[in-house]
């Protein structure tokens, strides 16, 4: 009888481990399986149809509203993979650190060039998504979210930058 209980306990532990691993793999396989949620950007100044190179909401009076809208949009569209409040849980990059290298540069010209490069990378990635070996790691958001929405999310991420 004692042997039967030990065998059952080992099987139960193995089953629990297998289920936990399957759940983890399921989360990894689901990465990028996100339906973009619309964002209401009516209270932001319009940017226009042509994509701009620099974040129009980084500075100025619209920044506070862009952070508010961007926080909501981030939580609806990005947090599943990039973590709540932009703090990565390990599936995708920690977006608070996206332009970390730029902030430490001494020369303002180099800082500006670095921030522009990060903006280009951010907008390109968000617009077109990320695919590797035929697997979608991040869905494309172009056509689903407006330029105003994407720049609002970027403004929110800038507000979450680690000191």
N, C-alpha and C. Protein backbone atom coordinates (compact mmCIF):
# COMPACT_ATOMS: atom_id res chain seq x y z
N UNK A 1 0.82 -1.18 0.00
CA UNK A 1 0.00 0.00 0.00
C UNK A 1 0.87 1.26 0.00
N UNK A 2 1.92 1.26 0.80
CA UNK A 2 2.81 2.40 0.89
C UNK A 2 3.44 2.69 -0.48
N UNK A 3 3.83 1.65 -1.21
CA UNK A 3 4.42 1.79 -2.54
C UNK A 3 3.43 2.45 -3.51
N UNK A 4 2.18 2.05 -3.44
CA UNK A 4 1.15 2.61 -4.32
C UNK A 4 0.95 4.10 -4.06
N UNK A 5 0.99 4.52 -2.82
CA UNK A 5 0.82 5.94 -2.48
C UNK A 5 2.01 6.74 -3.01
N UNK A 6 3.23 6.22 -2.85
CA UNK A 6 4.42 6.92 -3.35
C UNK A 6 4.37 7.04 -4.87
N UNK A 7 3.97 5.98 -5.54
CA UNK A 7 3.87 6.00 -7.00
C UNK A 7 2.85 7.04 -7.45
N UNK A 8 1.70 7.05 -6.78
CA UNK A 8 0.66 8.02 -7.12
C UNK A 8 1.15 9.44 -6.89
N UNK A 9 1.85 9.66 -5.79
CA UNK A 9 2.37 10.99 -5.46
C UNK A 9 3.37 11.45 -6.52
N UNK A 10 4.26 10.52 -6.95
CA UNK A 10 5.24 10.87 -8.00
C UNK A 10 4.53 11.20 -9.30
N UNK A 11 3.54 10.42 -9.66
CA UNK A 11 2.78 10.69 -10.89
C UNK A 11 2.08 12.03 -10.79
N UNK A 12 1.51 12.32 -9.62
CA UNK A 12 0.83 13.60 -9.42
C UNK A 12 1.79 14.77 -9.57
N UNK A 13 2.98 14.62 -9.01
CA UNK A 13 3.99 15.68 -9.10
C UNK A 13 4.44 15.86 -10.55
N UNK A 14 4.64 14.74 -11.26
CA UNK A 14 5.04 14.82 -12.67
C UNK A 14 3.94 15.46 -13.51
N UNK A 15 2.69 15.09 -13.22
CA UNK A 15 1.57 15.66 -13.95
C UNK A 15 1.48 17.16 -13.70
N UNK A 16 1.64 17.57 -12.46
CA UNK A 16 1.59 19.00 -12.13
C UNK A 16 2.72 19.75 -12.83
N UNK A 17 3.91 19.17 -12.85
CA UNK A 17 5.04 19.77 -13.54
C UNK A 17 4.77 19.88 -15.04
N UNK A 18 4.25 18.83 -15.62
CA UNK A 18 3.94 18.84 -17.05
C UNK A 18 2.89 19.89 -17.37
N UNK A 19 1.88 20.02 -16.54
CA UNK A 19 0.84 21.04 -16.76
C UNK A 19 1.42 22.45 -16.65
N UNK A 20 2.29 22.65 -15.68
CA UNK A 20 2.92 23.96 -15.51
C UNK A 20 3.78 24.31 -16.73
N UNK A 21 4.53 23.32 -17.22
CA UNK A 21 5.36 23.54 -18.40
C UNK A 21 4.50 23.82 -19.62
N UNK A 22 3.42 23.11 -19.78
CA UNK A 22 2.52 23.32 -20.91
C UNK A 22 1.91 24.71 -20.86
N UNK A 23 1.54 25.16 -19.67
CA UNK A 23 0.99 26.50 -19.53
C UNK A 23 2.03 27.55 -19.92
N UNK A 24 3.27 27.34 -19.50
CA UNK A 24 4.34 28.26 -19.87
C UNK A 24 4.59 28.28 -21.36
N UNK A 25 4.57 27.11 -21.98
CA UNK A 25 4.75 27.05 -23.43
C UNK A 25 3.57 27.71 -24.14
N UNK A 26 2.39 27.51 -23.59
CA UNK A 26 1.21 28.15 -24.18
C UNK A 26 1.34 29.65 -24.18
N UNK A 27 1.86 30.20 -23.08
CA UNK A 27 2.05 31.65 -23.01
C UNK A 27 3.10 32.10 -24.02
N UNK A 28 4.15 31.31 -24.17
CA UNK A 28 5.20 31.66 -25.15
C UNK A 28 4.67 31.56 -26.57
N UNK A 29 3.90 30.52 -26.87
CA UNK A 29 3.35 30.37 -28.21
C UNK A 29 2.34 31.47 -28.51
N UNK A 30 1.65 31.96 -27.50
CA UNK A 30 0.64 32.98 -27.71
C UNK A 30 1.25 34.36 -27.89
N UNK A 31 2.54 34.51 -27.61
CA UNK A 31 3.20 35.80 -27.74
C UNK A 31 2.96 36.36 -29.13
N UNK A 32 2.48 37.57 -29.20
CA UNK A 32 2.20 38.19 -30.49
C UNK A 32 0.79 37.96 -30.95
N UNK A 33 0.03 37.13 -30.26
CA UNK A 33 -1.35 36.85 -30.63
C UNK A 33 -2.25 37.88 -29.95
N UNK A 34 -2.16 39.12 -30.41
CA UNK A 34 -2.86 40.23 -29.78
C UNK A 34 -3.72 40.93 -30.83
N UNK A 35 -4.96 41.20 -30.50
CA UNK A 35 -5.81 42.00 -31.37
C UNK A 35 -5.72 43.44 -30.88
N UNK A 36 -5.17 44.35 -31.70
CA UNK A 36 -5.03 45.74 -31.26
C UNK A 36 -6.38 46.33 -30.86
N UNK A 37 -6.37 47.05 -29.75
CA UNK A 37 -7.56 47.71 -29.24
C UNK A 37 -7.52 49.18 -29.64
N UNK A 38 -8.63 49.73 -30.11
CA UNK A 38 -8.64 51.14 -30.54
C UNK A 38 -8.37 52.09 -29.39
N UNK A 39 -7.84 53.25 -29.74
CA UNK A 39 -7.53 54.28 -28.75
C UNK A 39 -8.22 55.58 -29.17
N UNK A 40 -8.80 56.26 -28.22
CA UNK A 40 -9.45 57.54 -28.47
C UNK A 40 -8.42 58.65 -28.31
N UNK A 41 -8.03 59.26 -29.42
CA UNK A 41 -7.00 60.30 -29.39
C UNK A 41 -7.58 61.67 -29.76
N UNK A 42 -8.89 61.81 -29.68
CA UNK A 42 -9.54 63.07 -30.09
C UNK A 42 -9.05 64.28 -29.32
N UNK A 43 -8.57 64.10 -28.10
CA UNK A 43 -8.13 65.25 -27.30
C UNK A 43 -6.67 65.63 -27.56
N UNK A 44 -6.01 64.92 -28.46
CA UNK A 44 -4.63 65.24 -28.83
C UNK A 44 -4.62 66.06 -30.11
N UNK A 45 -3.64 66.96 -30.25
CA UNK A 45 -3.52 67.66 -31.53
C UNK A 45 -3.23 66.66 -32.65
N UNK A 46 -3.93 66.77 -33.79
CA UNK A 46 -3.67 65.83 -34.89
C UNK A 46 -2.27 66.01 -35.45
N UNK A 47 -1.70 64.89 -35.87
CA UNK A 47 -0.34 64.89 -36.42
C UNK A 47 -0.38 64.93 -37.94
N UNK A 48 -1.39 64.33 -38.53
CA UNK A 48 -1.50 64.30 -39.99
C UNK A 48 -1.34 62.89 -40.53
N UNK A 49 -1.44 62.76 -41.82
CA UNK A 49 -1.36 61.45 -42.47
C UNK A 49 0.07 60.98 -42.66
N UNK A 50 0.99 61.92 -42.98
CA UNK A 50 2.38 61.55 -43.20
C UNK A 50 3.06 61.31 -41.85
N UNK A 51 3.77 60.19 -41.77
CA UNK A 51 4.44 59.85 -40.51
C UNK A 51 5.55 60.84 -40.22
N UNK A 52 5.53 61.36 -39.00
CA UNK A 52 6.57 62.30 -38.57
C UNK A 52 7.73 61.50 -37.95
N UNK A 53 8.91 62.11 -37.93
CA UNK A 53 10.10 61.41 -37.45
C UNK A 53 10.32 61.56 -35.96
N UNK A 54 9.84 62.66 -35.39
CA UNK A 54 10.05 62.90 -33.97
C UNK A 54 8.72 62.89 -33.24
N UNK A 55 8.76 62.51 -31.98
CA UNK A 55 7.56 62.45 -31.17
C UNK A 55 7.00 63.86 -30.96
N UNK A 56 5.84 64.14 -31.52
CA UNK A 56 5.27 65.49 -31.40
C UNK A 56 4.75 65.80 -30.00
N UNK A 57 4.64 64.79 -29.15
CA UNK A 57 4.08 64.99 -27.82
C UNK A 57 5.13 64.90 -26.70
N UNK A 58 6.41 64.76 -27.06
CA UNK A 58 7.46 64.64 -26.04
C UNK A 58 7.53 65.87 -25.15
N UNK A 59 7.32 67.02 -25.74
CA UNK A 59 7.39 68.28 -25.01
C UNK A 59 6.15 69.10 -25.37
N UNK A 60 5.88 70.08 -24.56
CA UNK A 60 4.79 70.98 -24.87
C UNK A 60 3.51 70.67 -24.12
N UNK A 61 2.47 71.45 -24.43
CA UNK A 61 1.23 71.37 -23.66
C UNK A 61 0.47 70.05 -23.83
N UNK A 62 0.67 69.33 -24.91
CA UNK A 62 -0.07 68.08 -25.15
C UNK A 62 0.56 66.89 -24.44
N UNK A 63 1.74 67.07 -23.83
CA UNK A 63 2.45 65.95 -23.23
C UNK A 63 1.64 65.24 -22.14
N UNK A 64 1.05 65.99 -21.24
CA UNK A 64 0.29 65.38 -20.14
C UNK A 64 -0.87 64.54 -20.67
N UNK A 65 -1.58 65.07 -21.64
CA UNK A 65 -2.71 64.32 -22.23
C UNK A 65 -2.20 63.10 -23.00
N UNK A 66 -1.07 63.24 -23.68
CA UNK A 66 -0.49 62.11 -24.42
C UNK A 66 -0.07 61.00 -23.45
N UNK A 67 0.48 61.37 -22.31
CA UNK A 67 0.87 60.36 -21.31
C UNK A 67 -0.38 59.63 -20.82
N UNK A 68 -1.45 60.38 -20.55
CA UNK A 68 -2.69 59.76 -20.07
C UNK A 68 -3.26 58.78 -21.10
N UNK A 69 -3.36 59.22 -22.33
CA UNK A 69 -3.90 58.37 -23.40
C UNK A 69 -2.93 57.22 -23.69
N UNK A 70 -1.64 57.51 -23.69
CA UNK A 70 -0.64 56.48 -23.95
C UNK A 70 -0.63 55.39 -22.89
N UNK A 71 -0.85 55.77 -21.63
CA UNK A 71 -0.90 54.77 -20.55
C UNK A 71 -2.05 53.81 -20.78
N UNK A 72 -3.20 54.35 -21.13
CA UNK A 72 -4.37 53.49 -21.40
C UNK A 72 -4.12 52.60 -22.61
N UNK A 73 -3.60 53.21 -23.67
CA UNK A 73 -3.32 52.44 -24.88
C UNK A 73 -2.26 51.38 -24.66
N UNK A 74 -1.24 51.71 -23.89
CA UNK A 74 -0.20 50.73 -23.57
C UNK A 74 -0.81 49.55 -22.83
N UNK A 75 -1.61 49.83 -21.80
CA UNK A 75 -2.21 48.75 -21.01
C UNK A 75 -3.11 47.86 -21.85
N UNK A 76 -3.78 48.42 -22.83
CA UNK A 76 -4.67 47.63 -23.69
C UNK A 76 -3.93 46.85 -24.76
N UNK A 77 -2.82 47.40 -25.25
CA UNK A 77 -2.18 46.83 -26.43
C UNK A 77 -0.78 46.25 -26.22
N UNK A 78 -0.11 46.65 -25.17
CA UNK A 78 1.30 46.30 -25.03
C UNK A 78 1.64 45.53 -23.75
N UNK A 79 0.88 45.79 -22.69
CA UNK A 79 1.22 45.25 -21.37
C UNK A 79 1.22 43.73 -21.33
N UNK A 80 0.42 43.10 -22.16
CA UNK A 80 0.36 41.63 -22.15
C UNK A 80 1.74 41.01 -22.35
N UNK A 81 2.53 41.62 -23.21
CA UNK A 81 3.87 41.08 -23.48
C UNK A 81 4.97 41.89 -22.80
N UNK A 82 4.82 43.22 -22.75
CA UNK A 82 5.88 44.08 -22.24
C UNK A 82 5.74 44.39 -20.76
N UNK A 83 4.67 43.92 -20.12
CA UNK A 83 4.51 44.07 -18.68
C UNK A 83 3.72 45.29 -18.26
N UNK A 84 3.05 45.17 -17.12
CA UNK A 84 2.30 46.28 -16.55
C UNK A 84 3.24 47.44 -16.24
N UNK A 85 2.78 48.64 -16.52
CA UNK A 85 3.55 49.86 -16.29
C UNK A 85 4.91 49.82 -16.99
N UNK A 86 4.99 49.06 -18.07
CA UNK A 86 6.19 48.93 -18.91
C UNK A 86 7.33 48.20 -18.21
N UNK A 87 7.02 47.50 -17.12
CA UNK A 87 8.04 46.71 -16.42
C UNK A 87 7.93 45.29 -16.95
N UNK A 88 8.88 44.89 -17.73
CA UNK A 88 8.82 43.59 -18.40
C UNK A 88 8.80 42.44 -17.41
N UNK A 89 7.98 41.46 -17.76
CA UNK A 89 7.95 40.22 -16.99
C UNK A 89 8.85 39.17 -17.61
N UNK A 90 9.60 39.52 -18.64
CA UNK A 90 10.55 38.60 -19.22
C UNK A 90 10.21 38.11 -20.61
N UNK A 91 8.96 38.26 -21.05
CA UNK A 91 8.59 37.78 -22.39
C UNK A 91 9.16 38.69 -23.46
N UNK A 92 9.04 40.00 -23.24
CA UNK A 92 9.47 40.98 -24.23
C UNK A 92 10.33 42.04 -23.54
N UNK A 93 11.04 42.87 -24.31
CA UNK A 93 11.94 43.85 -23.71
C UNK A 93 11.26 44.81 -22.74
N UNK A 94 12.02 45.26 -21.77
CA UNK A 94 11.58 46.27 -20.81
C UNK A 94 11.68 47.62 -21.52
N UNK A 95 10.52 48.18 -21.85
CA UNK A 95 10.49 49.39 -22.68
C UNK A 95 10.88 50.66 -21.92
N UNK A 96 11.00 50.59 -20.62
CA UNK A 96 11.49 51.75 -19.86
C UNK A 96 12.95 52.01 -20.18
N UNK A 97 13.64 50.99 -20.66
CA UNK A 97 15.07 51.09 -20.91
C UNK A 97 15.40 51.30 -22.39
N UNK A 98 14.37 51.54 -23.18
CA UNK A 98 14.53 51.62 -24.63
C UNK A 98 15.56 52.68 -25.04
N UNK A 99 15.51 53.84 -24.41
CA UNK A 99 16.45 54.91 -24.80
C UNK A 99 17.42 55.26 -23.67
N UNK A 100 17.64 54.29 -22.81
CA UNK A 100 18.53 54.45 -21.65
C UNK A 100 19.92 54.94 -22.07
N UNK A 101 20.42 54.38 -23.15
CA UNK A 101 21.75 54.74 -23.62
C UNK A 101 21.82 56.22 -24.02
N UNK A 102 20.73 56.74 -24.57
CA UNK A 102 20.70 58.13 -25.03
C UNK A 102 20.82 59.12 -23.87
N UNK A 103 20.16 58.82 -22.78
CA UNK A 103 20.13 59.77 -21.66
C UNK A 103 21.50 59.96 -21.02
N UNK A 104 22.40 59.01 -21.19
CA UNK A 104 23.71 59.10 -20.55
C UNK A 104 24.76 59.81 -21.41
N UNK A 105 24.41 60.15 -22.64
CA UNK A 105 25.38 60.82 -23.52
C UNK A 105 25.59 62.27 -23.08
N UNK A 106 26.82 62.72 -23.15
CA UNK A 106 27.16 64.07 -22.69
C UNK A 106 26.80 65.13 -23.72
N UNK A 107 27.08 64.87 -24.98
CA UNK A 107 26.84 65.84 -26.05
C UNK A 107 25.35 65.88 -26.41
N UNK A 108 24.78 67.10 -26.45
CA UNK A 108 23.36 67.24 -26.80
C UNK A 108 23.11 66.78 -28.23
N UNK A 109 24.05 67.03 -29.14
CA UNK A 109 23.89 66.58 -30.53
C UNK A 109 23.82 65.06 -30.60
N UNK A 110 24.69 64.39 -29.85
CA UNK A 110 24.68 62.92 -29.83
C UNK A 110 23.41 62.40 -29.18
N UNK A 111 22.96 63.07 -28.12
CA UNK A 111 21.70 62.69 -27.47
C UNK A 111 20.54 62.79 -28.45
N UNK A 112 20.46 63.92 -29.16
CA UNK A 112 19.37 64.13 -30.12
C UNK A 112 19.39 63.07 -31.22
N UNK A 113 20.59 62.77 -31.72
CA UNK A 113 20.72 61.74 -32.77
C UNK A 113 20.31 60.37 -32.24
N UNK A 114 20.67 60.07 -31.01
CA UNK A 114 20.32 58.80 -30.39
C UNK A 114 18.81 58.68 -30.21
N UNK A 115 18.18 59.75 -29.68
CA UNK A 115 16.72 59.73 -29.50
C UNK A 115 16.00 59.58 -30.84
N UNK A 116 16.51 60.22 -31.88
CA UNK A 116 15.91 60.08 -33.21
C UNK A 116 16.00 58.64 -33.69
N UNK A 117 17.16 58.02 -33.48
CA UNK A 117 17.35 56.62 -33.86
C UNK A 117 16.37 55.70 -33.10
N UNK A 118 16.19 55.96 -31.82
CA UNK A 118 15.26 55.17 -31.02
C UNK A 118 13.83 55.38 -31.51
N UNK A 119 13.47 56.64 -31.81
CA UNK A 119 12.13 56.91 -32.35
C UNK A 119 11.90 56.16 -33.66
N UNK A 120 12.90 56.19 -34.54
CA UNK A 120 12.79 55.47 -35.83
C UNK A 120 12.58 53.98 -35.59
N UNK A 121 13.36 53.42 -34.69
CA UNK A 121 13.25 51.99 -34.39
C UNK A 121 11.88 51.68 -33.78
N UNK A 122 11.46 52.49 -32.81
CA UNK A 122 10.17 52.27 -32.15
C UNK A 122 9.02 52.29 -33.16
N UNK A 123 8.95 53.37 -33.92
CA UNK A 123 7.82 53.52 -34.86
C UNK A 123 7.88 52.44 -35.93
N UNK A 124 9.06 52.13 -36.45
CA UNK A 124 9.18 51.06 -37.45
C UNK A 124 8.73 49.72 -36.90
N UNK A 125 9.14 49.42 -35.69
CA UNK A 125 8.78 48.14 -35.07
C UNK A 125 7.28 48.06 -34.78
N UNK A 126 6.74 49.12 -34.22
CA UNK A 126 5.32 49.11 -33.87
C UNK A 126 4.45 49.10 -35.13
N UNK A 127 4.85 49.84 -36.14
CA UNK A 127 4.05 49.87 -37.38
C UNK A 127 4.06 48.51 -38.08
N UNK A 128 5.23 47.91 -38.21
CA UNK A 128 5.35 46.68 -39.01
C UNK A 128 5.37 45.39 -38.19
N UNK A 129 5.54 45.50 -36.88
CA UNK A 129 5.58 44.31 -36.04
C UNK A 129 6.93 43.63 -36.11
N UNK A 130 7.03 42.48 -35.47
CA UNK A 130 8.26 41.70 -35.44
C UNK A 130 7.95 40.25 -35.76
N UNK A 131 8.69 39.71 -36.73
CA UNK A 131 8.55 38.31 -37.11
C UNK A 131 9.95 37.71 -37.19
N UNK A 132 10.09 36.51 -36.69
CA UNK A 132 11.37 35.81 -36.77
C UNK A 132 11.08 34.37 -37.13
N UNK A 133 11.74 33.87 -38.16
CA UNK A 133 11.55 32.50 -38.62
C UNK A 133 10.08 32.17 -38.87
N UNK A 134 9.36 33.15 -39.39
CA UNK A 134 7.94 32.94 -39.70
C UNK A 134 7.00 33.04 -38.51
N UNK A 135 7.54 33.28 -37.31
CA UNK A 135 6.70 33.40 -36.11
C UNK A 135 6.53 34.88 -35.76
N UNK A 136 5.31 35.26 -35.45
CA UNK A 136 5.02 36.63 -35.07
C UNK A 136 5.35 36.83 -33.60
N UNK A 137 6.28 37.74 -33.34
CA UNK A 137 6.64 38.06 -31.97
C UNK A 137 5.92 39.31 -31.50
N UNK A 138 5.54 40.14 -32.47
CA UNK A 138 4.78 41.35 -32.17
C UNK A 138 3.93 41.65 -33.40
N UNK A 139 2.63 41.85 -33.22
CA UNK A 139 1.79 42.12 -34.38
C UNK A 139 2.03 43.53 -34.92
N UNK A 140 1.78 43.75 -36.21
CA UNK A 140 1.89 45.11 -36.74
C UNK A 140 0.67 45.92 -36.31
N UNK A 141 0.90 47.16 -35.92
CA UNK A 141 -0.20 48.02 -35.46
C UNK A 141 -0.58 49.08 -36.48
N UNK A 142 0.18 49.20 -37.57
CA UNK A 142 -0.16 50.19 -38.60
C UNK A 142 -1.51 49.83 -39.21
N UNK A 143 -2.33 50.83 -39.36
CA UNK A 143 -3.67 50.60 -39.90
C UNK A 143 -4.67 50.25 -38.79
N UNK A 144 -4.17 49.86 -37.63
CA UNK A 144 -5.04 49.55 -36.50
C UNK A 144 -5.04 50.71 -35.50
N UNK A 145 -3.88 51.28 -35.27
CA UNK A 145 -3.74 52.42 -34.38
C UNK A 145 -3.19 53.60 -35.17
N UNK A 146 -3.69 54.78 -34.86
CA UNK A 146 -3.26 55.98 -35.57
C UNK A 146 -1.86 56.39 -35.14
N UNK A 147 -1.29 57.29 -35.92
CA UNK A 147 0.01 57.85 -35.58
C UNK A 147 -0.06 58.55 -34.22
N UNK A 148 -1.15 59.25 -33.97
CA UNK A 148 -1.34 59.92 -32.69
C UNK A 148 -1.31 58.90 -31.54
N UNK A 149 -1.96 57.77 -31.73
CA UNK A 149 -2.01 56.73 -30.70
C UNK A 149 -0.61 56.17 -30.43
N UNK A 150 0.13 55.88 -31.49
CA UNK A 150 1.47 55.31 -31.31
C UNK A 150 2.43 56.29 -30.65
N UNK A 151 2.34 57.57 -31.03
CA UNK A 151 3.20 58.56 -30.38
C UNK A 151 2.76 58.79 -28.94
N UNK A 152 1.48 58.66 -28.64
CA UNK A 152 1.02 58.78 -27.24
C UNK A 152 1.60 57.64 -26.40
N UNK A 153 1.61 56.43 -26.96
CA UNK A 153 2.22 55.29 -26.24
C UNK A 153 3.70 55.56 -26.01
N UNK A 154 4.39 56.07 -27.03
CA UNK A 154 5.82 56.39 -26.89
C UNK A 154 6.02 57.46 -25.81
N UNK A 155 5.14 58.45 -25.76
CA UNK A 155 5.23 59.50 -24.73
C UNK A 155 5.04 58.89 -23.34
N UNK A 156 4.10 57.98 -23.21
CA UNK A 156 3.91 57.29 -21.94
C UNK A 156 5.18 56.53 -21.54
N UNK A 157 5.77 55.82 -22.50
CA UNK A 157 6.99 55.06 -22.21
C UNK A 157 8.13 56.00 -21.77
N UNK A 158 8.22 57.17 -22.39
CA UNK A 158 9.23 58.15 -21.98
C UNK A 158 8.99 58.58 -20.54
N UNK A 159 7.73 58.67 -20.14
CA UNK A 159 7.42 59.07 -18.76
C UNK A 159 7.77 57.97 -17.76
N UNK A 160 7.90 56.74 -18.23
CA UNK A 160 8.22 55.59 -17.38
C UNK A 160 9.73 55.30 -17.34
N UNK A 161 10.50 56.10 -18.04
CA UNK A 161 11.95 55.91 -18.12
C UNK A 161 12.54 55.82 -16.72
N UNK A 162 13.41 54.84 -16.52
CA UNK A 162 14.08 54.72 -15.23
C UNK A 162 15.13 55.81 -15.11
N UNK A 163 15.27 56.40 -13.90
CA UNK A 163 16.27 57.48 -13.75
C UNK A 163 17.68 56.94 -13.89
